PDB file of all heavy atoms in Angstrom:
ATOM      1  N   GLY A   1      -1.672 -75.753 -72.788  1.00  0.00           N
ATOM      2  CA  GLY A   1      -0.800 -76.773 -72.228  1.00  0.00           C
ATOM      3  C   GLY A   1      -1.169 -77.159 -70.810  1.00  0.00           C
ATOM      4  O   GLY A   1      -1.909 -76.464 -70.119  1.00  0.00           O
ATOM      5  N   ASP A   2      -0.632 -78.274 -70.401  1.00  0.00           N
ATOM      6  CA  ASP A   2      -0.787 -78.804 -69.047  1.00  0.00           C
ATOM      7  C   ASP A   2       0.509 -78.495 -68.301  1.00  0.00           C
ATOM      8  O   ASP A   2       1.577 -78.981 -68.691  1.00  0.00           O
ATOM      9  CB  ASP A   2      -1.026 -80.307 -69.132  1.00  0.00           C
ATOM     10  CG  ASP A   2      -1.092 -80.995 -67.792  1.00  0.00           C
ATOM     11  OD1 ASP A   2      -0.874 -80.354 -66.739  1.00  0.00           O
ATOM     12  OD2 ASP A   2      -1.371 -82.210 -67.783  1.00  0.00           O
ATOM     13  N   LEU A   3       0.421 -77.713 -67.243  1.00  0.00           N
ATOM     14  CA  LEU A   3       1.638 -77.306 -66.526  1.00  0.00           C
ATOM     15  C   LEU A   3       2.338 -78.447 -65.809  1.00  0.00           C
ATOM     16  O   LEU A   3       3.438 -78.264 -65.312  1.00  0.00           O
ATOM     17  CB  LEU A   3       1.308 -76.192 -65.530  1.00  0.00           C
ATOM     18  CG  LEU A   3       0.956 -74.846 -66.149  1.00  0.00           C
ATOM     19  CD1 LEU A   3       0.666 -73.827 -65.060  1.00  0.00           C
ATOM     20  CD2 LEU A   3       2.083 -74.353 -67.052  1.00  0.00           C
ATOM     21  N   THR A   4       1.744 -79.630 -65.784  1.00  0.00           N
ATOM     22  CA  THR A   4       2.435 -80.781 -65.207  1.00  0.00           C
ATOM     23  C   THR A   4       3.186 -81.577 -66.267  1.00  0.00           C
ATOM     24  O   THR A   4       3.958 -82.477 -65.930  1.00  0.00           O
ATOM     25  CB  THR A   4       1.459 -81.719 -64.467  1.00  0.00           C
ATOM     26  OG1 THR A   4       0.526 -82.273 -65.403  1.00  0.00           O
ATOM     27  CG2 THR A   4       0.714 -80.978 -63.365  1.00  0.00           C
ATOM     28  N   ALA A   5       2.964 -81.247 -67.538  1.00  0.00           N
ATOM     29  CA  ALA A   5       3.620 -81.979 -68.639  1.00  0.00           C
ATOM     30  C   ALA A   5       3.751 -81.068 -69.857  1.00  0.00           C
ATOM     31  O   ALA A   5       3.064 -81.245 -70.853  1.00  0.00           O
ATOM     32  CB  ALA A   5       2.822 -83.231 -68.984  1.00  0.00           C
ATOM     33  N   LEU A   6       4.627 -80.097 -69.755  1.00  0.00           N
ATOM     34  CA  LEU A   6       4.834 -79.146 -70.854  1.00  0.00           C
ATOM     35  C   LEU A   6       5.646 -79.781 -71.975  1.00  0.00           C
ATOM     36  O   LEU A   6       6.573 -80.542 -71.716  1.00  0.00           O
ATOM     37  CB  LEU A   6       5.553 -77.901 -70.333  1.00  0.00           C
ATOM     38  CG  LEU A   6       4.748 -77.031 -69.372  1.00  0.00           C
ATOM     39  CD1 LEU A   6       5.649 -76.008 -68.700  1.00  0.00           C
ATOM     40  CD2 LEU A   6       3.609 -76.355 -70.113  1.00  0.00           C
ATOM     41  N   MET A   7       5.295 -79.448 -73.187  1.00  0.00           N
ATOM     42  CA  MET A   7       6.030 -79.938 -74.352  1.00  0.00           C
ATOM     43  C   MET A   7       7.157 -78.945 -74.662  1.00  0.00           C
ATOM     44  O   MET A   7       7.266 -78.415 -75.763  1.00  0.00           O
ATOM     45  CB  MET A   7       5.082 -80.098 -75.544  1.00  0.00           C
ATOM     46  CG  MET A   7       3.936 -81.049 -75.295  1.00  0.00           C
ATOM     47  SD  MET A   7       4.471 -82.722 -74.875  1.00  0.00           S
ATOM     48  CE  MET A   7       5.160 -83.242 -76.415  1.00  0.00           C
ATOM     49  N   ILE A   8       8.005 -78.720 -73.667  1.00  0.00           N
ATOM     50  CA  ILE A   8       9.102 -77.759 -73.738  1.00  0.00           C
ATOM     51  C   ILE A   8      10.373 -78.504 -73.316  1.00  0.00           C
ATOM     52  O   ILE A   8      10.339 -79.287 -72.366  1.00  0.00           O
ATOM     53  CB  ILE A   8       8.841 -76.566 -72.778  1.00  0.00           C
ATOM     54  CG1 ILE A   8       7.532 -75.853 -73.114  1.00  0.00           C
ATOM     55  CG2 ILE A   8      10.023 -75.610 -72.743  1.00  0.00           C
ATOM     56  CD1 ILE A   8       7.531 -75.099 -74.416  1.00  0.00           C
ATOM     57  N   PRO A   9      11.493 -78.254 -73.954  1.00  0.00           N
ATOM     58  CA  PRO A   9      12.740 -78.924 -73.558  1.00  0.00           C
ATOM     59  C   PRO A   9      13.192 -78.510 -72.148  1.00  0.00           C
ATOM     60  O   PRO A   9      12.830 -77.446 -71.642  1.00  0.00           O
ATOM     61  CB  PRO A   9      13.760 -78.444 -74.592  1.00  0.00           C
ATOM     62  CG  PRO A   9      13.001 -77.756 -75.659  1.00  0.00           C
ATOM     63  CD  PRO A   9      11.673 -77.381 -75.116  1.00  0.00           C
ATOM     64  N   ASP A  10      14.006 -79.346 -71.542  1.00  0.00           N
ATOM     65  CA  ASP A  10      14.626 -79.020 -70.251  1.00  0.00           C
ATOM     66  C   ASP A  10      15.443 -77.736 -70.376  1.00  0.00           C
ATOM     67  O   ASP A  10      16.010 -77.443 -71.440  1.00  0.00           O
ATOM     68  CB  ASP A  10      15.581 -80.139 -69.811  1.00  0.00           C
ATOM     69  CG  ASP A  10      14.864 -81.437 -69.489  1.00  0.00           C
ATOM     70  OD1 ASP A  10      13.628 -81.477 -69.503  1.00  0.00           O
ATOM     71  OD2 ASP A  10      15.570 -82.431 -69.221  1.00  0.00           O
ATOM     72  N   ASP A  11      15.520 -76.997 -69.262  1.00  0.00           N
ATOM     73  CA  ASP A  11      16.385 -75.811 -69.168  1.00  0.00           C
ATOM     74  C   ASP A  11      16.146 -74.822 -70.313  1.00  0.00           C
ATOM     75  O   ASP A  11      17.079 -74.304 -70.914  1.00  0.00           O
ATOM     76  CB  ASP A  11      17.861 -76.220 -69.161  1.00  0.00           C
ATOM     77  CG  ASP A  11      18.180 -77.220 -68.070  1.00  0.00           C
ATOM     78  OD1 ASP A  11      17.559 -77.148 -66.993  1.00  0.00           O
ATOM     79  OD2 ASP A  11      19.054 -78.068 -68.287  1.00  0.00           O
ATOM     80  N   PHE A  12      14.909 -74.521 -70.602  1.00  0.00           N
ATOM     81  CA  PHE A  12      14.555 -73.706 -71.757  1.00  0.00           C
ATOM     82  C   PHE A  12      14.367 -72.222 -71.424  1.00  0.00           C
ATOM     83  O   PHE A  12      14.827 -71.357 -72.148  1.00  0.00           O
ATOM     84  CB  PHE A  12      13.273 -74.261 -72.389  1.00  0.00           C
ATOM     85  CG  PHE A  12      12.888 -73.616 -73.674  1.00  0.00           C
ATOM     86  CD1 PHE A  12      13.509 -73.985 -74.854  1.00  0.00           C
ATOM     87  CD2 PHE A  12      11.902 -72.644 -73.716  1.00  0.00           C
ATOM     88  CE1 PHE A  12      13.151 -73.389 -76.056  1.00  0.00           C
ATOM     89  CE2 PHE A  12      11.539 -72.049 -74.909  1.00  0.00           C
ATOM     90  CZ  PHE A  12      12.165 -72.420 -76.075  1.00  0.00           C
ATOM     91  N   TYR A  13      13.687 -71.937 -70.322  1.00  0.00           N
ATOM     92  CA  TYR A  13      13.300 -70.552 -70.011  1.00  0.00           C
ATOM     93  C   TYR A  13      14.280 -69.866 -69.063  1.00  0.00           C
ATOM     94  O   TYR A  13      14.762 -70.464 -68.107  1.00  0.00           O
ATOM     95  CB  TYR A  13      11.905 -70.510 -69.389  1.00  0.00           C
ATOM     96  CG  TYR A  13      10.812 -70.885 -70.338  1.00  0.00           C
ATOM     97  CD1 TYR A  13      10.062 -72.040 -70.160  1.00  0.00           C
ATOM     98  CD2 TYR A  13      10.509 -70.090 -71.431  1.00  0.00           C
ATOM     99  CE1 TYR A  13       9.046 -72.388 -71.028  1.00  0.00           C
ATOM    100  CE2 TYR A  13       9.493 -70.431 -72.315  1.00  0.00           C
ATOM    101  CZ  TYR A  13       8.769 -71.576 -72.097  1.00  0.00           C
ATOM    102  OH  TYR A  13       7.771 -71.922 -72.970  1.00  0.00           O
ATOM    103  N   ASP A  14      14.508 -68.583 -69.315  1.00  0.00           N
ATOM    104  CA  ASP A  14      15.291 -67.742 -68.410  1.00  0.00           C
ATOM    105  C   ASP A  14      14.441 -67.271 -67.236  1.00  0.00           C
ATOM    106  O   ASP A  14      14.924 -67.141 -66.117  1.00  0.00           O
ATOM    107  CB  ASP A  14      15.828 -66.501 -69.141  1.00  0.00           C
ATOM    108  CG  ASP A  14      16.809 -66.857 -70.233  1.00  0.00           C
ATOM    109  OD1 ASP A  14      17.782 -67.564 -69.927  1.00  0.00           O
ATOM    110  OD2 ASP A  14      16.598 -66.440 -71.381  1.00  0.00           O
ATOM    111  N   VAL A  15      13.188 -66.963 -67.510  1.00  0.00           N
ATOM    112  CA  VAL A  15      12.242 -66.469 -66.501  1.00  0.00           C
ATOM    113  C   VAL A  15      10.897 -67.140 -66.733  1.00  0.00           C
ATOM    114  O   VAL A  15      10.443 -67.258 -67.874  1.00  0.00           O
ATOM    115  CB  VAL A  15      12.063 -64.938 -66.591  1.00  0.00           C
ATOM    116  CG1 VAL A  15      11.032 -64.444 -65.583  1.00  0.00           C
ATOM    117  CG2 VAL A  15      13.375 -64.214 -66.398  1.00  0.00           C
ATOM    118  N   ILE A  16      10.284 -67.568 -65.644  1.00  0.00           N
ATOM    119  CA  ILE A  16       8.917 -68.079 -65.700  1.00  0.00           C
ATOM    120  C   ILE A  16       8.102 -67.267 -64.711  1.00  0.00           C
ATOM    121  O   ILE A  16       8.465 -67.132 -63.541  1.00  0.00           O
ATOM    122  CB  ILE A  16       8.846 -69.580 -65.352  1.00  0.00           C
ATOM    123  CG1 ILE A  16       9.628 -70.399 -66.380  1.00  0.00           C
ATOM    124  CG2 ILE A  16       7.387 -70.034 -65.275  1.00  0.00           C
ATOM    125  CD1 ILE A  16       9.696 -71.881 -66.048  1.00  0.00           C
ATOM    126  N   PHE A  17       6.991 -66.736 -65.191  1.00  0.00           N
ATOM    127  CA  PHE A  17       6.094 -65.915 -64.395  1.00  0.00           C
ATOM    128  C   PHE A  17       4.766 -66.646 -64.298  1.00  0.00           C
ATOM    129  O   PHE A  17       4.124 -66.903 -65.328  1.00  0.00           O
ATOM    130  CB  PHE A  17       5.925 -64.555 -65.084  1.00  0.00           C
ATOM    131  CG  PHE A  17       5.081 -63.576 -64.337  1.00  0.00           C
ATOM    132  CD1 PHE A  17       5.647 -62.775 -63.359  1.00  0.00           C
ATOM    133  CD2 PHE A  17       3.739 -63.451 -64.615  1.00  0.00           C
ATOM    134  CE1 PHE A  17       4.870 -61.853 -62.674  1.00  0.00           C
ATOM    135  CE2 PHE A  17       2.957 -62.541 -63.944  1.00  0.00           C
ATOM    136  CZ  PHE A  17       3.527 -61.740 -62.962  1.00  0.00           C
ATOM    137  N   VAL A  18       4.361 -67.020 -63.084  1.00  0.00           N
ATOM    138  CA  VAL A  18       3.138 -67.781 -62.860  1.00  0.00           C
ATOM    139  C   VAL A  18       2.221 -66.933 -61.981  1.00  0.00           C
ATOM    140  O   VAL A  18       2.580 -66.588 -60.855  1.00  0.00           O
ATOM    141  CB  VAL A  18       3.448 -69.124 -62.160  1.00  0.00           C
ATOM    142  CG1 VAL A  18       2.193 -69.921 -61.925  1.00  0.00           C
ATOM    143  CG2 VAL A  18       4.451 -69.932 -62.968  1.00  0.00           C
ATOM    144  N   ARG A  19       1.052 -66.615 -62.497  1.00  0.00           N
ATOM    145  CA  ARG A  19       0.145 -65.723 -61.769  1.00  0.00           C
ATOM    146  C   ARG A  19      -1.223 -66.372 -61.598  1.00  0.00           C
ATOM    147  O   ARG A  19      -1.875 -66.738 -62.577  1.00  0.00           O
ATOM    148  CB  ARG A  19       0.006 -64.414 -62.546  1.00  0.00           C
ATOM    149  CG  ARG A  19      -0.867 -63.401 -61.887  1.00  0.00           C
ATOM    150  CD  ARG A  19      -0.796 -62.083 -62.668  1.00  0.00           C
ATOM    151  NE  ARG A  19      -1.733 -61.147 -62.137  1.00  0.00           N
ATOM    152  CZ  ARG A  19      -2.851 -60.775 -62.746  1.00  0.00           C
ATOM    153  NH1 ARG A  19      -3.155 -61.286 -63.921  1.00  0.00           N
ATOM    154  NH2 ARG A  19      -3.653 -59.909 -62.184  1.00  0.00           N
ATOM    155  N   PHE A  20      -1.639 -66.515 -60.340  1.00  0.00           N
ATOM    156  CA  PHE A  20      -2.959 -67.046 -59.975  1.00  0.00           C
ATOM    157  C   PHE A  20      -3.212 -68.424 -60.586  1.00  0.00           C
ATOM    158  O   PHE A  20      -4.275 -68.697 -61.135  1.00  0.00           O
ATOM    159  CB  PHE A  20      -4.074 -66.075 -60.361  1.00  0.00           C
ATOM    160  CG  PHE A  20      -3.874 -64.678 -59.839  1.00  0.00           C
ATOM    161  CD1 PHE A  20      -4.178 -63.584 -60.617  1.00  0.00           C
ATOM    162  CD2 PHE A  20      -3.369 -64.458 -58.572  1.00  0.00           C
ATOM    163  CE1 PHE A  20      -4.001 -62.295 -60.147  1.00  0.00           C
ATOM    164  CE2 PHE A  20      -3.187 -63.172 -58.090  1.00  0.00           C
ATOM    165  CZ  PHE A  20      -3.507 -62.091 -58.869  1.00  0.00           C
ATOM    166  N   VAL A  21      -2.210 -69.281 -60.495  1.00  0.00           N
ATOM    167  CA  VAL A  21      -2.314 -70.635 -61.045  1.00  0.00           C
ATOM    168  C   VAL A  21      -2.342 -71.669 -59.927  1.00  0.00           C
ATOM    169  O   VAL A  21      -3.223 -72.529 -59.884  1.00  0.00           O
ATOM    170  CB  VAL A  21      -1.134 -70.932 -62.002  1.00  0.00           C
ATOM    171  CG1 VAL A  21      -1.111 -72.398 -62.408  1.00  0.00           C
ATOM    172  CG2 VAL A  21      -1.205 -70.033 -63.220  1.00  0.00           C
ATOM    173  N   LEU A  22      -1.392 -71.601 -59.027  1.00  0.00           N
ATOM    174  CA  LEU A  22      -1.247 -72.647 -58.007  1.00  0.00           C
ATOM    175  C   LEU A  22      -2.453 -72.740 -57.093  1.00  0.00           C
ATOM    176  O   LEU A  22      -2.770 -73.819 -56.586  1.00  0.00           O
ATOM    177  CB  LEU A  22       0.027 -72.422 -57.203  1.00  0.00           C
ATOM    178  CG  LEU A  22       1.322 -72.432 -58.015  1.00  0.00           C
ATOM    179  CD1 LEU A  22       2.516 -72.233 -57.098  1.00  0.00           C
ATOM    180  CD2 LEU A  22       1.469 -73.691 -58.828  1.00  0.00           C
ATOM    181  N   GLU A  23      -3.157 -71.641 -56.879  1.00  0.00           N
ATOM    182  CA  GLU A  23      -4.333 -71.657 -56.009  1.00  0.00           C
ATOM    183  C   GLU A  23      -5.443 -72.548 -56.561  1.00  0.00           C
ATOM    184  O   GLU A  23      -6.330 -72.964 -55.832  1.00  0.00           O
ATOM    185  CB  GLU A  23      -4.864 -70.243 -55.791  1.00  0.00           C
ATOM    186  CG  GLU A  23      -5.421 -69.609 -57.046  1.00  0.00           C
ATOM    187  CD  GLU A  23      -5.794 -68.157 -56.855  1.00  0.00           C
ATOM    188  OE1 GLU A  23      -4.884 -67.320 -56.777  1.00  0.00           O
ATOM    189  OE2 GLU A  23      -6.996 -67.874 -56.767  1.00  0.00           O
ATOM    190  N   HIS A  24      -5.391 -72.875 -57.836  1.00  0.00           N
ATOM    191  CA  HIS A  24      -6.408 -73.724 -58.463  1.00  0.00           C
ATOM    192  C   HIS A  24      -6.016 -75.200 -58.485  1.00  0.00           C
ATOM    193  O   HIS A  24      -6.760 -76.022 -59.018  1.00  0.00           O
ATOM    194  CB  HIS A  24      -6.679 -73.248 -59.887  1.00  0.00           C
ATOM    195  CG  HIS A  24      -7.188 -71.850 -59.941  1.00  0.00           C
ATOM    196  ND1 HIS A  24      -8.462 -71.509 -59.545  1.00  0.00           N
ATOM    197  CD2 HIS A  24      -6.587 -70.693 -60.307  1.00  0.00           C
ATOM    198  CE1 HIS A  24      -8.626 -70.206 -59.678  1.00  0.00           C
ATOM    199  NE2 HIS A  24      -7.506 -69.683 -60.138  1.00  0.00           N
ATOM    200  N   SER A  25      -4.885 -75.517 -57.901  1.00  0.00           N
ATOM    201  CA  SER A  25      -4.393 -76.899 -57.904  1.00  0.00           C
ATOM    202  C   SER A  25      -4.503 -77.501 -56.507  1.00  0.00           C
ATOM    203  O   SER A  25      -4.146 -76.862 -55.519  1.00  0.00           O
ATOM    204  CB  SER A  25      -2.925 -76.915 -58.347  1.00  0.00           C
ATOM    205  OG  SER A  25      -2.402 -78.198 -58.221  1.00  0.00           O
ATOM    206  N   ARG A  26      -4.981 -78.720 -56.440  1.00  0.00           N
ATOM    207  CA  ARG A  26      -5.025 -79.418 -55.149  1.00  0.00           C
ATOM    208  C   ARG A  26      -3.629 -79.701 -54.617  1.00  0.00           C
ATOM    209  O   ARG A  26      -3.386 -79.661 -53.435  1.00  0.00           O
ATOM    210  CB  ARG A  26      -5.780 -80.737 -55.279  1.00  0.00           C
ATOM    211  CG  ARG A  26      -7.235 -80.554 -55.419  1.00  0.00           C
ATOM    212  CD  ARG A  26      -7.917 -81.876 -55.380  1.00  0.00           C
ATOM    213  NE  ARG A  26      -9.275 -81.616 -54.942  1.00  0.00           N
ATOM    214  CZ  ARG A  26     -10.142 -82.547 -54.710  1.00  0.00           C
ATOM    215  NH1 ARG A  26      -9.809 -83.811 -54.864  1.00  0.00           N
ATOM    216  NH2 ARG A  26     -11.354 -82.241 -54.334  1.00  0.00           N
ATOM    217  N   ASP A  27      -2.734 -80.023 -55.548  1.00  0.00           N
ATOM    218  CA  ASP A  27      -1.345 -80.315 -55.186  1.00  0.00           C
ATOM    219  C   ASP A  27      -0.434 -79.614 -56.187  1.00  0.00           C
ATOM    220  O   ASP A  27      -0.280 -80.083 -57.315  1.00  0.00           O
ATOM    221  CB  ASP A  27      -1.101 -81.823 -55.198  1.00  0.00           C
ATOM    222  CG  ASP A  27       0.313 -82.189 -54.793  1.00  0.00           C
ATOM    223  OD1 ASP A  27       1.093 -81.296 -54.384  1.00  0.00           O
ATOM    224  OD2 ASP A  27       0.649 -83.383 -54.883  1.00  0.00           O
ATOM    225  N   PRO A  28       0.157 -78.483 -55.811  1.00  0.00           N
ATOM    226  CA  PRO A  28       0.985 -77.737 -56.761  1.00  0.00           C
ATOM    227  C   PRO A  28       2.359 -78.354 -57.027  1.00  0.00           C
ATOM    228  O   PRO A  28       3.054 -77.918 -57.937  1.00  0.00           O
ATOM    229  CB  PRO A  28       1.128 -76.367 -56.093  1.00  0.00           C
ATOM    230  CG  PRO A  28       0.970 -76.634 -54.647  1.00  0.00           C
ATOM    231  CD  PRO A  28       0.006 -77.786 -54.543  1.00  0.00           C
ATOM    232  N   ARG A  29       2.747 -79.369 -56.275  1.00  0.00           N
ATOM    233  CA  ARG A  29       4.091 -79.932 -56.433  1.00  0.00           C
ATOM    234  C   ARG A  29       4.398 -80.433 -57.835  1.00  0.00           C
ATOM    235  O   ARG A  29       5.490 -80.153 -58.355  1.00  0.00           O
ATOM    236  CB  ARG A  29       4.349 -81.017 -55.381  1.00  0.00           C
ATOM    237  CG  ARG A  29       4.451 -80.424 -53.979  1.00  0.00           C
ATOM    238  CD  ARG A  29       4.603 -81.480 -52.938  1.00  0.00           C
ATOM    239  NE  ARG A  29       3.330 -82.210 -52.874  1.00  0.00           N
ATOM    240  CZ  ARG A  29       3.041 -83.150 -51.988  1.00  0.00           C
ATOM    241  NH1 ARG A  29       3.939 -83.505 -51.095  1.00  0.00           N
ATOM    242  NH2 ARG A  29       1.874 -83.756 -51.988  1.00  0.00           N
ATOM    243  N   PRO A  30       3.489 -81.149 -58.521  1.00  0.00           N
ATOM    244  CA  PRO A  30       3.808 -81.556 -59.901  1.00  0.00           C
ATOM    245  C   PRO A  30       4.016 -80.363 -60.837  1.00  0.00           C
ATOM    246  O   PRO A  30       4.876 -80.411 -61.717  1.00  0.00           O
ATOM    247  CB  PRO A  30       2.591 -82.382 -60.322  1.00  0.00           C
ATOM    248  CG  PRO A  30       1.989 -82.860 -59.044  1.00  0.00           C
ATOM    249  CD  PRO A  30       2.244 -81.760 -58.050  1.00  0.00           C
ATOM    250  N   ILE A  31       3.262 -79.307 -60.633  1.00  0.00           N
ATOM    251  CA  ILE A  31       3.443 -78.102 -61.450  1.00  0.00           C
ATOM    252  C   ILE A  31       4.806 -77.494 -61.173  1.00  0.00           C
ATOM    253  O   ILE A  31       5.548 -77.146 -62.099  1.00  0.00           O
ATOM    254  CB  ILE A  31       2.324 -77.080 -61.167  1.00  0.00           C
ATOM    255  CG1 ILE A  31       0.973 -77.633 -61.615  1.00  0.00           C
ATOM    256  CG2 ILE A  31       2.622 -75.747 -61.855  1.00  0.00           C
ATOM    257  CD1 ILE A  31      -0.219 -76.810 -61.166  1.00  0.00           C
ATOM    258  N   LEU A  32       5.157 -77.368 -59.908  1.00  0.00           N
ATOM    259  CA  LEU A  32       6.445 -76.776 -59.549  1.00  0.00           C
ATOM    260  C   LEU A  32       7.617 -77.607 -60.060  1.00  0.00           C
ATOM    261  O   LEU A  32       8.615 -77.058 -60.525  1.00  0.00           O
ATOM    262  CB  LEU A  32       6.529 -76.587 -58.038  1.00  0.00           C
ATOM    263  CG  LEU A  32       5.564 -75.555 -57.465  1.00  0.00           C
ATOM    264  CD1 LEU A  32       5.558 -75.607 -55.942  1.00  0.00           C
ATOM    265  CD2 LEU A  32       5.896 -74.159 -57.969  1.00  0.00           C
ATOM    266  N   ARG A  33       7.487 -78.934 -60.017  1.00  0.00           N
ATOM    267  CA  ARG A  33       8.548 -79.801 -60.563  1.00  0.00           C
ATOM    268  C   ARG A  33       8.724 -79.563 -62.056  1.00  0.00           C
ATOM    269  O   ARG A  33       9.840 -79.496 -62.560  1.00  0.00           O
ATOM    270  CB  ARG A  33       8.234 -81.274 -60.295  1.00  0.00           C
ATOM    271  CG  ARG A  33       8.634 -81.748 -58.925  1.00  0.00           C
ATOM    272  CD  ARG A  33       8.576 -83.262 -58.809  1.00  0.00           C
ATOM    273  NE  ARG A  33       7.221 -83.782 -58.891  1.00  0.00           N
ATOM    274  CZ  ARG A  33       6.397 -83.915 -57.857  1.00  0.00           C
ATOM    275  NH1 ARG A  33       6.792 -83.558 -56.652  1.00  0.00           N
ATOM    276  NH2 ARG A  33       5.191 -84.397 -58.019  1.00  0.00           N
ATOM    277  N   GLU A  34       7.599 -79.443 -62.769  1.00  0.00           N
ATOM    278  CA  GLU A  34       7.671 -79.235 -64.217  1.00  0.00           C
ATOM    279  C   GLU A  34       8.250 -77.864 -64.541  1.00  0.00           C
ATOM    280  O   GLU A  34       9.066 -77.729 -65.456  1.00  0.00           O
ATOM    281  CB  GLU A  34       6.283 -79.409 -64.839  1.00  0.00           C
ATOM    282  CG  GLU A  34       6.257 -79.303 -66.330  1.00  0.00           C
ATOM    283  CD  GLU A  34       6.984 -80.424 -67.065  1.00  0.00           C
ATOM    284  OE1 GLU A  34       7.664 -81.271 -66.432  1.00  0.00           O
ATOM    285  OE2 GLU A  34       6.907 -80.455 -68.296  1.00  0.00           O
ATOM    286  N   LEU A  35       7.860 -76.852 -63.791  1.00  0.00           N
ATOM    287  CA  LEU A  35       8.424 -75.515 -64.019  1.00  0.00           C
ATOM    288  C   LEU A  35       9.921 -75.514 -63.759  1.00  0.00           C
ATOM    289  O   LEU A  35      10.688 -74.900 -64.492  1.00  0.00           O
ATOM    290  CB  LEU A  35       7.713 -74.486 -63.143  1.00  0.00           C
ATOM    291  CG  LEU A  35       6.232 -74.264 -63.451  1.00  0.00           C
ATOM    292  CD1 LEU A  35       5.626 -73.290 -62.445  1.00  0.00           C
ATOM    293  CD2 LEU A  35       6.027 -73.793 -64.881  1.00  0.00           C
ATOM    294  N   ARG A  36      10.333 -76.216 -62.736  1.00  0.00           N
ATOM    295  CA  ARG A  36      11.774 -76.321 -62.439  1.00  0.00           C
ATOM    296  C   ARG A  36      12.514 -77.006 -63.583  1.00  0.00           C
ATOM    297  O   ARG A  36      13.622 -76.633 -63.938  1.00  0.00           O
ATOM    298  CB  ARG A  36      11.967 -77.093 -61.135  1.00  0.00           C
ATOM    299  CG  ARG A  36      13.400 -77.215 -60.722  1.00  0.00           C
ATOM    300  CD  ARG A  36      13.489 -77.924 -59.416  1.00  0.00           C
ATOM    301  NE  ARG A  36      14.877 -78.150 -59.059  1.00  0.00           N
ATOM    302  CZ  ARG A  36      15.272 -79.058 -58.220  1.00  0.00           C
ATOM    303  NH1 ARG A  36      14.415 -79.843 -57.614  1.00  0.00           N
ATOM    304  NH2 ARG A  36      16.538 -79.210 -57.954  1.00  0.00           N
ATOM    305  N   ARG A  37      11.895 -78.016 -64.173  1.00  0.00           N
ATOM    306  CA  ARG A  37      12.512 -78.753 -65.277  1.00  0.00           C
ATOM    307  C   ARG A  37      12.766 -77.850 -66.475  1.00  0.00           C
ATOM    308  O   ARG A  37      13.824 -77.913 -67.093  1.00  0.00           O
ATOM    309  CB  ARG A  37      11.624 -79.936 -65.692  1.00  0.00           C
ATOM    310  CG  ARG A  37      12.218 -80.751 -66.839  1.00  0.00           C
ATOM    311  CD  ARG A  37      11.258 -81.801 -67.347  1.00  0.00           C
ATOM    312  NE  ARG A  37      10.129 -81.253 -68.066  1.00  0.00           N
ATOM    313  CZ  ARG A  37      10.156 -80.778 -69.314  1.00  0.00           C
ATOM    314  NH1 ARG A  37      11.292 -80.773 -70.006  1.00  0.00           N
ATOM    315  NH2 ARG A  37       9.062 -80.311 -69.896  1.00  0.00           N
ATOM    316  N   VAL A  38      11.792 -76.998 -66.806  1.00  0.00           N
ATOM    317  CA  VAL A  38      11.926 -76.175 -68.012  1.00  0.00           C
ATOM    318  C   VAL A  38      12.652 -74.850 -67.751  1.00  0.00           C
ATOM    319  O   VAL A  38      12.950 -74.124 -68.690  1.00  0.00           O
ATOM    320  CB  VAL A  38      10.559 -75.920 -68.687  1.00  0.00           C
ATOM    321  CG1 VAL A  38       9.927 -77.239 -69.114  1.00  0.00           C
ATOM    322  CG2 VAL A  38       9.621 -75.120 -67.803  1.00  0.00           C
ATOM    323  N   LEU A  39      12.959 -74.554 -66.493  1.00  0.00           N
ATOM    324  CA  LEU A  39      13.672 -73.332 -66.140  1.00  0.00           C
ATOM    325  C   LEU A  39      15.176 -73.587 -66.169  1.00  0.00           C
ATOM    326  O   LEU A  39      15.659 -74.599 -65.656  1.00  0.00           O
ATOM    327  CB  LEU A  39      13.252 -72.884 -64.734  1.00  0.00           C
ATOM    328  CG  LEU A  39      13.790 -71.552 -64.233  1.00  0.00           C
ATOM    329  CD1 LEU A  39      13.248 -70.400 -65.076  1.00  0.00           C
ATOM    330  CD2 LEU A  39      13.422 -71.360 -62.766  1.00  0.00           C
ATOM    331  N   LYS A  40      15.914 -72.669 -66.765  1.00  0.00           N
ATOM    332  CA  LYS A  40      17.374 -72.785 -66.784  1.00  0.00           C
ATOM    333  C   LYS A  40      17.917 -72.773 -65.355  1.00  0.00           C
ATOM    334  O   LYS A  40      17.307 -72.183 -64.463  1.00  0.00           O
ATOM    335  CB  LYS A  40      17.990 -71.639 -67.587  1.00  0.00           C
ATOM    336  CG  LYS A  40      17.720 -71.732 -69.071  1.00  0.00           C
ATOM    337  CD  LYS A  40      18.344 -70.574 -69.824  1.00  0.00           C
ATOM    338  CE  LYS A  40      18.052 -70.685 -71.307  1.00  0.00           C
ATOM    339  NZ  LYS A  40      18.605 -69.536 -72.056  1.00  0.00           N
ATOM    340  N   PRO A  41      19.064 -73.404 -65.109  1.00  0.00           N
ATOM    341  CA  PRO A  41      19.614 -73.483 -63.749  1.00  0.00           C
ATOM    342  C   PRO A  41      19.746 -72.136 -63.033  1.00  0.00           C
ATOM    343  O   PRO A  41      19.519 -72.048 -61.839  1.00  0.00           O
ATOM    344  CB  PRO A  41      20.979 -74.136 -63.945  1.00  0.00           C
ATOM    345  CG  PRO A  41      20.817 -74.952 -65.180  1.00  0.00           C
ATOM    346  CD  PRO A  41      19.882 -74.154 -66.065  1.00  0.00           C
ATOM    347  N   GLU A  42      20.085 -71.091 -63.753  1.00  0.00           N
ATOM    348  CA  GLU A  42      20.212 -69.769 -63.134  1.00  0.00           C
ATOM    349  C   GLU A  42      18.986 -68.900 -63.399  1.00  0.00           C
ATOM    350  O   GLU A  42      19.020 -67.683 -63.197  1.00  0.00           O
ATOM    351  CB  GLU A  42      21.480 -69.064 -63.647  1.00  0.00           C
ATOM    352  CG  GLU A  42      22.758 -69.806 -63.311  1.00  0.00           C
ATOM    353  CD  GLU A  42      22.976 -69.955 -61.811  1.00  0.00           C
ATOM    354  OE1 GLU A  42      22.709 -69.000 -61.056  1.00  0.00           O
ATOM    355  OE2 GLU A  42      23.405 -71.047 -61.403  1.00  0.00           O
ATOM    356  N   GLY A  43      17.892 -69.520 -63.846  1.00  0.00           N
ATOM    357  CA  GLY A  43      16.681 -68.792 -64.181  1.00  0.00           C
ATOM    358  C   GLY A  43      15.920 -68.321 -62.953  1.00  0.00           C
ATOM    359  O   GLY A  43      16.243 -68.675 -61.824  1.00  0.00           O
TER     360      GLY A  43
END
């Protein structure tokens, strides 16, 4: 998958663990926005 456009519904995950990913991105903001979208509000 592409972390800027996951085929996952909104508010899906309780926990998201990202390891050694953002360092490979020129601009991590789109990734972080997408992770926020798929993370539950209290996740």
